[in-house]
Amino acid sequence: MVFEAGVDDDDGHHKIHEEYKTLVDFMLGSYMEDMGINPEQFEAACGKASMNTPFHQTLFEQVWAADDYEIFKRMMIQKNIELQLQALEILQQRYGIIPESFTPSDDMPEAEQQVLDGSSIDPRTLKLRRALAERLNGRGEK
């Protein structure tokens, strides 16, 4: 099941979201058990966490995605695009070219163009990704 911009939701997408939600619940429950804390203590600790770092914001986005299908869908679409871009980079490195079917065109559907230019991405997520990219490139704060 592939998450793509402009593709209507179906039962398969929602089933994957439910599986993701179950996995996040299990992992958080296991973590709290290992730490010897209850859900209220975990929630209080999360409330005190600094949301100023890209790591924390990305982490919380992944947890929020378990409870919000739209956040989950955006996260999955972004991940799908990132994987496609990685595949293109590998093709370009190995063969020196990018297949024509993978290059943007003038007749590209609007939903795909929005994803490529970032306009369909949640502004908070886009800001986080830019901050992370700057940090990785050595231009961000240390």
C-alpha atoms as a PDB file:
ATOM      1  CA  MET A   1       0.000   0.000   0.000  1.00  0.00           C
ATOM      2  CA  VAL A   2       1.579   3.262  -1.114  1.00  0.00           C
ATOM      3  CA  PHE A   3       0.734   6.682   0.271  1.00  0.00           C
ATOM      4  CA  GLU A   4       0.833   9.271  -2.498  1.00  0.00           C
ATOM      5  CA  ALA A   5      -0.398  12.834  -2.818  1.00  0.00           C
ATOM      6  CA  GLY A   6      -3.729  13.092  -4.560  1.00  0.00           C
ATOM      7  CA  VAL A   7      -4.674   9.468  -3.907  1.00  0.00           C
ATOM      8  CA  ASP A   8      -7.987   8.985  -2.129  1.00  0.00           C
ATOM      9  CA  ASP A   9      -7.988   7.271   1.250  1.00  0.00           C
ATOM     10  CA  ASP A  10      -9.227   3.724   1.374  1.00  0.00           C
ATOM     11  CA  ASP A  11      -9.693   1.025   3.987  1.00  0.00           C
ATOM     12  CA  GLY A  12      -6.123  -0.195   3.428  1.00  0.00           C
ATOM     13  CA  HIS A  13      -4.662   3.180   4.402  1.00  0.00           C
ATOM     14  CA  HIS A  14      -6.789   3.317   7.541  1.00  0.00           C
ATOM     15  CA  LYS A  15      -5.856  -0.280   8.418  1.00  0.00           C
ATOM     16  CA  ILE A  16      -2.157   0.638   8.191  1.00  0.00           C
ATOM     17  CA  HIS A  17      -2.815   3.652  10.431  1.00  0.00           C
ATOM     18  CA  GLU A  18      -4.515   1.404  13.009  1.00  0.00           C
ATOM     19  CA  GLU A  19      -1.510  -0.959  12.917  1.00  0.00           C
ATOM     20  CA  TYR A  20       0.819   2.025  13.374  1.00  0.00           C
ATOM     21  CA  LYS A  21      -1.285   3.232  16.305  1.00  0.00           C
ATOM     22  CA  THR A  22      -1.124  -0.221  17.911  1.00  0.00           C
ATOM     23  CA  LEU A  23       2.656  -0.325  17.433  1.00  0.00           C
ATOM     24  CA  VAL A  24       3.164   3.154  18.951  1.00  0.00           C
ATOM     25  CA  ASP A  25       0.902   2.279  21.901  1.00  0.00           C
ATOM     26  CA  PHE A  26       2.833  -0.947  22.482  1.00  0.00           C
ATOM     27  CA  MET A  27       6.230   0.737  22.232  1.00  0.00           C
ATOM     28  CA  LEU A  28       5.243   3.601  24.541  1.00  0.00           C
ATOM     29  CA  GLY A  29       3.721   1.141  27.011  1.00  0.00           C
ATOM     30  CA  SER A  30       6.893  -0.963  26.980  1.00  0.00           C
ATOM     31  CA  TYR A  31       9.043   2.131  27.447  1.00  0.00           C
ATOM     32  CA  MET A  32       6.966   3.331  30.395  1.00  0.00           C
ATOM     33  CA  GLU A  33       7.118  -0.142  31.935  1.00  0.00           C
ATOM     34  CA  ASP A  34      10.911  -0.259  31.513  1.00  0.00           C
ATOM     35  CA  MET A  35      11.218   3.202  33.071  1.00  0.00           C
ATOM     36  CA  GLY A  36       8.841   2.292  35.899  1.00  0.00           C
ATOM     37  CA  ILE A  37       6.486   5.205  35.222  1.00  0.00           C
ATOM     38  CA  ASN A  38       2.750   5.450  34.644  1.00  0.00           C
ATOM     39  CA  PRO A  39       1.019   7.255  31.747  1.00  0.00           C
ATOM     40  CA  GLU A  40       0.392  10.375  33.846  1.00  0.00           C
ATOM     41  CA  GLN A  41       4.096  10.670  34.710  1.00  0.00           C
ATOM     42  CA  PHE A  42       5.027  10.146  31.067  1.00  0.00           C
ATOM     43  CA  GLU A  43       2.579  12.847  29.967  1.00  0.00           C
ATOM     44  CA  ALA A  44       3.966  15.256  32.576  1.00  0.00           C
ATOM     45  CA  ALA A  45       7.526  14.577  31.377  1.00  0.00           C
ATOM     46  CA  CYS A  46       6.511  15.172  27.770  1.00  0.00           C
ATOM     47  CA  GLY A  47       4.927  18.463  28.792  1.00  0.00           C
ATOM     48  CA  LYS A  48       8.261  19.569  30.234  1.00  0.00           C
ATOM     49  CA  ALA A  49      10.289  18.520  27.174  1.00  0.00           C
ATOM     50  CA  SER A  50      11.775  21.296  25.072  1.00  0.00           C
ATOM     51  CA  MET A  51      10.103  21.433  21.678  1.00  0.00           C
ATOM     52  CA  ASN A  52      12.879  23.678  20.360  1.00  0.00           C
ATOM     53  CA  THR A  53      14.930  20.849  18.926  1.00  0.00           C
ATOM     54  CA  PRO A  54      14.161  19.134  15.630  1.00  0.00           C
ATOM     55  CA  PHE A  55      14.679  15.770  17.330  1.00  0.00           C
ATOM     56  CA  HIS A  56      11.928  16.376  19.868  1.00  0.00           C
ATOM     57  CA  GLN A  57       9.562  17.837  17.301  1.00  0.00           C
ATOM     58  CA  THR A  58      10.075  14.895  14.932  1.00  0.00           C
ATOM     59  CA  LEU A  59       9.655  12.447  17.786  1.00  0.00           C
ATOM     60  CA  PHE A  60       6.408  14.043  18.953  1.00  0.00           C
ATOM     61  CA  GLU A  61       5.122  14.255  15.390  1.00  0.00           C
ATOM     62  CA  GLN A  62       5.511  10.498  15.121  1.00  0.00           C
ATOM     63  CA  VAL A  63       3.560  10.018  18.361  1.00  0.00           C
ATOM     64  CA  TRP A  64       0.857  12.508  17.297  1.00  0.00           C
ATOM     65  CA  ALA A  65       0.531  10.647  14.007  1.00  0.00           C
ATOM     66  CA  ALA A  66      -0.755   7.641  15.924  1.00  0.00           C
ATOM     67  CA  ASP A  67      -3.775   9.659  17.046  1.00  0.00           C
ATOM     68  CA  ASP A  68      -4.318  11.798  13.947  1.00  0.00           C
ATOM     69  CA  TYR A  69      -4.791  10.122  10.575  1.00  0.00           C
ATOM     70  CA  GLU A  70      -4.064  13.323   8.599  1.00  0.00           C
ATOM     71  CA  ILE A  71      -0.684  13.798  10.317  1.00  0.00           C
ATOM     72  CA  PHE A  72       0.045  10.108   9.706  1.00  0.00           C
ATOM     73  CA  LYS A  73      -0.904  10.401   6.031  1.00  0.00           C
ATOM     74  CA  ARG A  74       1.314  13.494   5.512  1.00  0.00           C
ATOM     75  CA  MET A  75       4.185  11.751   7.291  1.00  0.00           C
ATOM     76  CA  MET A  76       3.808   8.659   5.087  1.00  0.00           C
ATOM     77  CA  ILE A  77       3.580  10.708   1.870  1.00  0.00           C
ATOM     78  CA  GLN A  78       6.747  12.578   2.847  1.00  0.00           C
ATOM     79  CA  LYS A  79       8.545   9.323   3.651  1.00  0.00           C
ATOM     80  CA  ASN A  80       7.464   7.859   0.308  1.00  0.00           C
ATOM     81  CA  ILE A  81       8.837  10.893  -1.533  1.00  0.00           C
ATOM     82  CA  GLU A  82      12.097  10.727   0.438  1.00  0.00           C
ATOM     83  CA  LEU A  83      12.498   7.068  -0.527  1.00  0.00           C
ATOM     84  CA  GLN A  84      11.803   7.871  -4.179  1.00  0.00           C
ATOM     85  CA  LEU A  85      14.395  10.648  -4.096  1.00  0.00           C
ATOM     86  CA  GLN A  86      16.943   8.297  -2.532  1.00  0.00           C
ATOM     87  CA  ALA A  87      16.268   5.773  -5.291  1.00  0.00           C
ATOM     88  CA  LEU A  88      16.748   8.494  -7.907  1.00  0.00           C
ATOM     89  CA  GLU A  89      20.060   9.515  -6.350  1.00  0.00           C
ATOM     90  CA  ILE A  90      21.255   5.911  -6.483  1.00  0.00           C
ATOM     91  CA  LEU A  91      20.192   5.616 -10.134  1.00  0.00           C
ATOM     92  CA  GLN A  92      21.964   8.839 -10.959  1.00  0.00           C
ATOM     93  CA  GLN A  93      25.129   7.766  -9.130  1.00  0.00           C
ATOM     94  CA  ARG A  94      25.212   4.357 -10.801  1.00  0.00           C
ATOM     95  CA  TYR A  95      24.141   5.268 -14.316  1.00  0.00           C
ATOM     96  CA  GLY A  96      24.626   9.029 -14.512  1.00  0.00           C
ATOM     97  CA  ILE A  97      21.083   9.655 -15.676  1.00  0.00           C
ATOM     98  CA  ILE A  98      17.580   9.929 -14.305  1.00  0.00           C
ATOM     99  CA  PRO A  99      14.852   8.129 -16.241  1.00  0.00           C
ATOM    100  CA  GLU A 100      12.477  10.526 -17.971  1.00  0.00           C
ATOM    101  CA  SER A 101       9.524   9.049 -16.096  1.00  0.00           C
ATOM    102  CA  PHE A 102      11.075  10.316 -12.848  1.00  0.00           C
ATOM    103  CA  THR A 103      11.664  13.901 -13.909  1.00  0.00           C
ATOM    104  CA  PRO A 104       9.080  16.632 -13.177  1.00  0.00           C
ATOM    105  CA  SER A 105       7.001  17.727 -16.136  1.00  0.00           C
ATOM    106  CA  ASP A 106       4.709  20.638 -16.960  1.00  0.00           C
ATOM    107  CA  ASP A 107       1.626  18.389 -16.887  1.00  0.00           C
ATOM    108  CA  MET A 108       2.348  17.074 -13.384  1.00  0.00           C
ATOM    109  CA  PRO A 109      -0.793  16.763 -11.224  1.00  0.00           C
ATOM    110  CA  GLU A 110      -1.193  19.691  -8.825  1.00  0.00           C
ATOM    111  CA  ALA A 111      -1.052  17.443  -5.733  1.00  0.00           C
ATOM    112  CA  GLU A 112       2.335  16.047  -6.792  1.00  0.00           C
ATOM    113  CA  GLN A 113       3.681  19.532  -7.557  1.00  0.00           C
ATOM    114  CA  GLN A 114       2.586  20.723  -4.093  1.00  0.00           C
ATOM    115  CA  VAL A 115       4.462  17.866  -2.465  1.00  0.00           C
ATOM    116  CA  LEU A 116       7.601  18.568  -4.499  1.00  0.00           C
ATOM    117  CA  ASP A 117       7.612  22.279  -3.698  1.00  0.00           C
ATOM    118  CA  GLY A 118       6.644  21.680  -0.077  1.00  0.00           C
ATOM    119  CA  SER A 119       3.325  23.540  -0.072  1.00  0.00           C
ATOM    120  CA  SER A 120       1.345  20.476   1.047  1.00  0.00           C
ATOM    121  CA  ILE A 121       3.673  19.852   3.977  1.00  0.00           C
ATOM    122  CA  ASP A 122       2.606  21.062   7.390  1.00  0.00           C
ATOM    123  CA  PRO A 123       4.505  24.377   7.927  1.00  0.00           C
ATOM    124  CA  ARG A 124       5.737  23.159  11.329  1.00  0.00           C
ATOM    125  CA  THR A 125       7.186  20.015   9.741  1.00  0.00           C
ATOM    126  CA  LEU A 126       8.768  22.017   6.924  1.00  0.00           C
ATOM    127  CA  LYS A 127      10.416  24.351   9.447  1.00  0.00           C
ATOM    128  CA  LEU A 128      11.742  21.355  11.375  1.00  0.00           C
ATOM    129  CA  ARG A 129      13.187  19.757   8.272  1.00  0.00           C
ATOM    130  CA  ARG A 130      14.917  23.001   7.242  1.00  0.00           C
ATOM    131  CA  ALA A 131      16.410  23.409  10.727  1.00  0.00           C
ATOM    132  CA  LEU A 132      17.641  19.823  10.663  1.00  0.00           C
ATOM    133  CA  ALA A 133      19.151  20.276   7.201  1.00  0.00           C
ATOM    134  CA  GLU A 134      20.949  23.431   8.328  1.00  0.00           C
ATOM    135  CA  ARG A 135      22.293  21.653  11.394  1.00  0.00           C
ATOM    136  CA  LEU A 136      23.477  18.704   9.306  1.00  0.00           C
ATOM    137  CA  ASN A 137      25.215  21.094   6.917  1.00  0.00           C
ATOM    138  CA  GLY A 138      26.987  22.774   9.843  1.00  0.00           C
ATOM    139  CA  ARG A 139      25.143  26.092   9.556  1.00  0.00           C
ATOM    140  CA  GLY A 140      22.796  25.651  12.509  1.00  0.00           C
ATOM    141  CA  GLU A 141      23.408  26.337  16.185  1.00  0.00           C
ATOM    142  CA  LYS A 142      25.512  23.881  18.107  1.00  0.00           C
END
